[in-house]
Amino acid sequence: MQVRVRYFAGARAAAGVEEEKIDLDDAGAQTVAVLMDLLGLRHGPELTRVLAACTFLVDEIAAPPERELRDGVQVDVLPPFAGG
């Protein structure tokens, strides 16, 4: 199963890429939480720290960590934004 991950703001800086395609193992349920763990392992502790505060959108809809993923979805990684 493959998902497209897009990073924004501080998540983009921590990951070092704007977007990437991730292959997830097809055995068992794959969730946003599993993807977060994989991304942290792939990009290191700085991204792991940022991911803990992020919101995730799956195909443009807010998704909790337990949300199951399916092949071909787009996951957006949105850190908290400040502004006024």
C-alpha atoms as a PDB file:
ATOM      1  CA  MET A   1       0.000   0.000   0.000  1.00  0.00           C
ATOM      2  CA  GLN A   2       1.315   3.434  -0.881  1.00  0.00           C
ATOM      3  CA  VAL A   3       0.318   6.831   0.541  1.00  0.00           C
ATOM      4  CA  ARG A   4       1.351  10.321  -0.475  1.00  0.00           C
ATOM      5  CA  VAL A   5       2.529  12.504   2.424  1.00  0.00           C
ATOM      6  CA  ARG A   6       2.680  16.300   2.147  1.00  0.00           C
ATOM      7  CA  TYR A   7       4.457  18.338   4.828  1.00  0.00           C
ATOM      8  CA  PHE A   8       3.701  21.947   5.706  1.00  0.00           C
ATOM      9  CA  ALA A   9       5.588  24.689   7.598  1.00  0.00           C
ATOM     10  CA  GLY A  10       7.695  23.311  10.485  1.00  0.00           C
ATOM     11  CA  ALA A  11       6.929  19.716   9.507  1.00  0.00           C
ATOM     12  CA  ARG A  12       8.414  20.387   6.067  1.00  0.00           C
ATOM     13  CA  ALA A  13      11.539  21.857   7.633  1.00  0.00           C
ATOM     14  CA  ALA A  14      11.922  18.923  10.040  1.00  0.00           C
ATOM     15  CA  ALA A  15      11.368  16.290   7.331  1.00  0.00           C
ATOM     16  CA  GLY A  16      13.606  18.033   4.816  1.00  0.00           C
ATOM     17  CA  VAL A  17      11.159  17.328   1.989  1.00  0.00           C
ATOM     18  CA  GLU A  18       7.925  18.883   0.751  1.00  0.00           C
ATOM     19  CA  GLU A  19       6.268  15.574  -0.030  1.00  0.00           C
ATOM     20  CA  GLU A  20       7.022  11.902  -0.475  1.00  0.00           C
ATOM     21  CA  LYS A  21       5.396   8.575  -1.252  1.00  0.00           C
ATOM     22  CA  ILE A  22       5.521   6.018   1.541  1.00  0.00           C
ATOM     23  CA  ASP A  23       5.086   2.276   1.118  1.00  0.00           C
ATOM     24  CA  LEU A  24       3.288   0.715   4.078  1.00  0.00           C
ATOM     25  CA  ASP A  25       3.309  -3.006   4.791  1.00  0.00           C
ATOM     26  CA  ASP A  26       0.053  -4.619   3.656  1.00  0.00           C
ATOM     27  CA  ALA A  27      -0.120  -6.948   6.683  1.00  0.00           C
ATOM     28  CA  GLY A  28      -2.737  -5.756   9.145  1.00  0.00           C
ATOM     29  CA  ALA A  29      -4.423  -2.409   9.563  1.00  0.00           C
ATOM     30  CA  GLN A  30      -2.351   0.646   8.742  1.00  0.00           C
ATOM     31  CA  THR A  31      -3.296   3.806  10.585  1.00  0.00           C
ATOM     32  CA  VAL A  32      -2.217   7.425  10.855  1.00  0.00           C
ATOM     33  CA  ALA A  33      -0.384   6.446  14.070  1.00  0.00           C
ATOM     34  CA  VAL A  34       1.589   3.718  12.260  1.00  0.00           C
ATOM     35  CA  LEU A  35       2.477   6.231   9.550  1.00  0.00           C
ATOM     36  CA  MET A  36       3.608   8.761  12.200  1.00  0.00           C
ATOM     37  CA  ASP A  37       5.934   6.164  13.726  1.00  0.00           C
ATOM     38  CA  LEU A  38       7.390   5.305  10.329  1.00  0.00           C
ATOM     39  CA  LEU A  39       7.931   8.963   9.429  1.00  0.00           C
ATOM     40  CA  GLY A  40       9.691   9.576  12.752  1.00  0.00           C
ATOM     41  CA  LEU A  41      12.024   6.635  12.149  1.00  0.00           C
ATOM     42  CA  ARG A  42      12.689   7.777   8.600  1.00  0.00           C
ATOM     43  CA  HIS A  43      13.407  11.448   9.344  1.00  0.00           C
ATOM     44  CA  GLY A  44      14.628  11.475  12.945  1.00  0.00           C
ATOM     45  CA  PRO A  45      13.854  12.929  16.362  1.00  0.00           C
ATOM     46  CA  GLU A  46      13.168  16.495  15.210  1.00  0.00           C
ATOM     47  CA  LEU A  47      10.276  15.352  13.020  1.00  0.00           C
ATOM     48  CA  THR A  48       9.066  12.993  15.764  1.00  0.00           C
ATOM     49  CA  ARG A  49       8.823  16.001  18.107  1.00  0.00           C
ATOM     50  CA  VAL A  50       6.943  18.055  15.496  1.00  0.00           C
ATOM     51  CA  LEU A  51       4.558  15.194  14.660  1.00  0.00           C
ATOM     52  CA  ALA A  52       3.403  15.029  18.291  1.00  0.00           C
ATOM     53  CA  ALA A  53       1.788  18.466  17.850  1.00  0.00           C
ATOM     54  CA  CYS A  54       0.507  18.038  14.294  1.00  0.00           C
ATOM     55  CA  THR A  55      -2.938  17.661  12.831  1.00  0.00           C
ATOM     56  CA  PHE A  56      -3.344  15.141  10.027  1.00  0.00           C
ATOM     57  CA  LEU A  57      -5.687  15.352   7.078  1.00  0.00           C
ATOM     58  CA  VAL A  58      -6.494  12.219   5.082  1.00  0.00           C
ATOM     59  CA  ASP A  59      -7.793  13.197   1.673  1.00  0.00           C
ATOM     60  CA  GLU A  60      -8.463  16.695   3.088  1.00  0.00           C
ATOM     61  CA  ILE A  61     -10.486  15.506   6.118  1.00  0.00           C
ATOM     62  CA  ALA A  62      -9.139  15.750   9.683  1.00  0.00           C
ATOM     63  CA  ALA A  63      -8.121  12.306  10.903  1.00  0.00           C
ATOM     64  CA  PRO A  64      -7.368  10.958  14.387  1.00  0.00           C
ATOM     65  CA  PRO A  65      -4.347   8.674  14.929  1.00  0.00           C
ATOM     66  CA  GLU A  66      -6.530   5.546  14.832  1.00  0.00           C
ATOM     67  CA  ARG A  67      -7.876   6.373  11.350  1.00  0.00           C
ATOM     68  CA  GLU A  68      -7.136   3.491   8.973  1.00  0.00           C
ATOM     69  CA  LEU A  69      -5.403   4.302   5.726  1.00  0.00           C
ATOM     70  CA  ARG A  70      -5.996   2.759   2.328  1.00  0.00           C
ATOM     71  CA  ASP A  71      -3.888   2.617  -0.804  1.00  0.00           C
ATOM     72  CA  GLY A  72      -3.522   5.891  -2.656  1.00  0.00           C
ATOM     73  CA  VAL A  73      -4.667   8.311   0.044  1.00  0.00           C
ATOM     74  CA  GLN A  74      -3.035  11.685   0.583  1.00  0.00           C
ATOM     75  CA  VAL A  75      -1.965  12.564   4.115  1.00  0.00           C
ATOM     76  CA  ASP A  76      -1.234  16.199   4.935  1.00  0.00           C
ATOM     77  CA  VAL A  77       0.926  16.921   7.991  1.00  0.00           C
ATOM     78  CA  LEU A  78      -0.044  20.284   9.508  1.00  0.00           C
ATOM     79  CA  PRO A  79       1.827  21.666  12.511  1.00  0.00           C
ATOM     80  CA  PRO A  80       0.120  24.309  14.665  1.00  0.00           C
ATOM     81  CA  PHE A  81      -0.002  27.697  12.984  1.00  0.00           C
ATOM     82  CA  ALA A  82       0.147  31.081  14.673  1.00  0.00           C
ATOM     83  CA  GLY A  83      -1.190  34.240  13.197  1.00  0.00           C
ATOM     84  CA  GLY A  84      -3.669  36.949  13.449  1.00  0.00           C
END
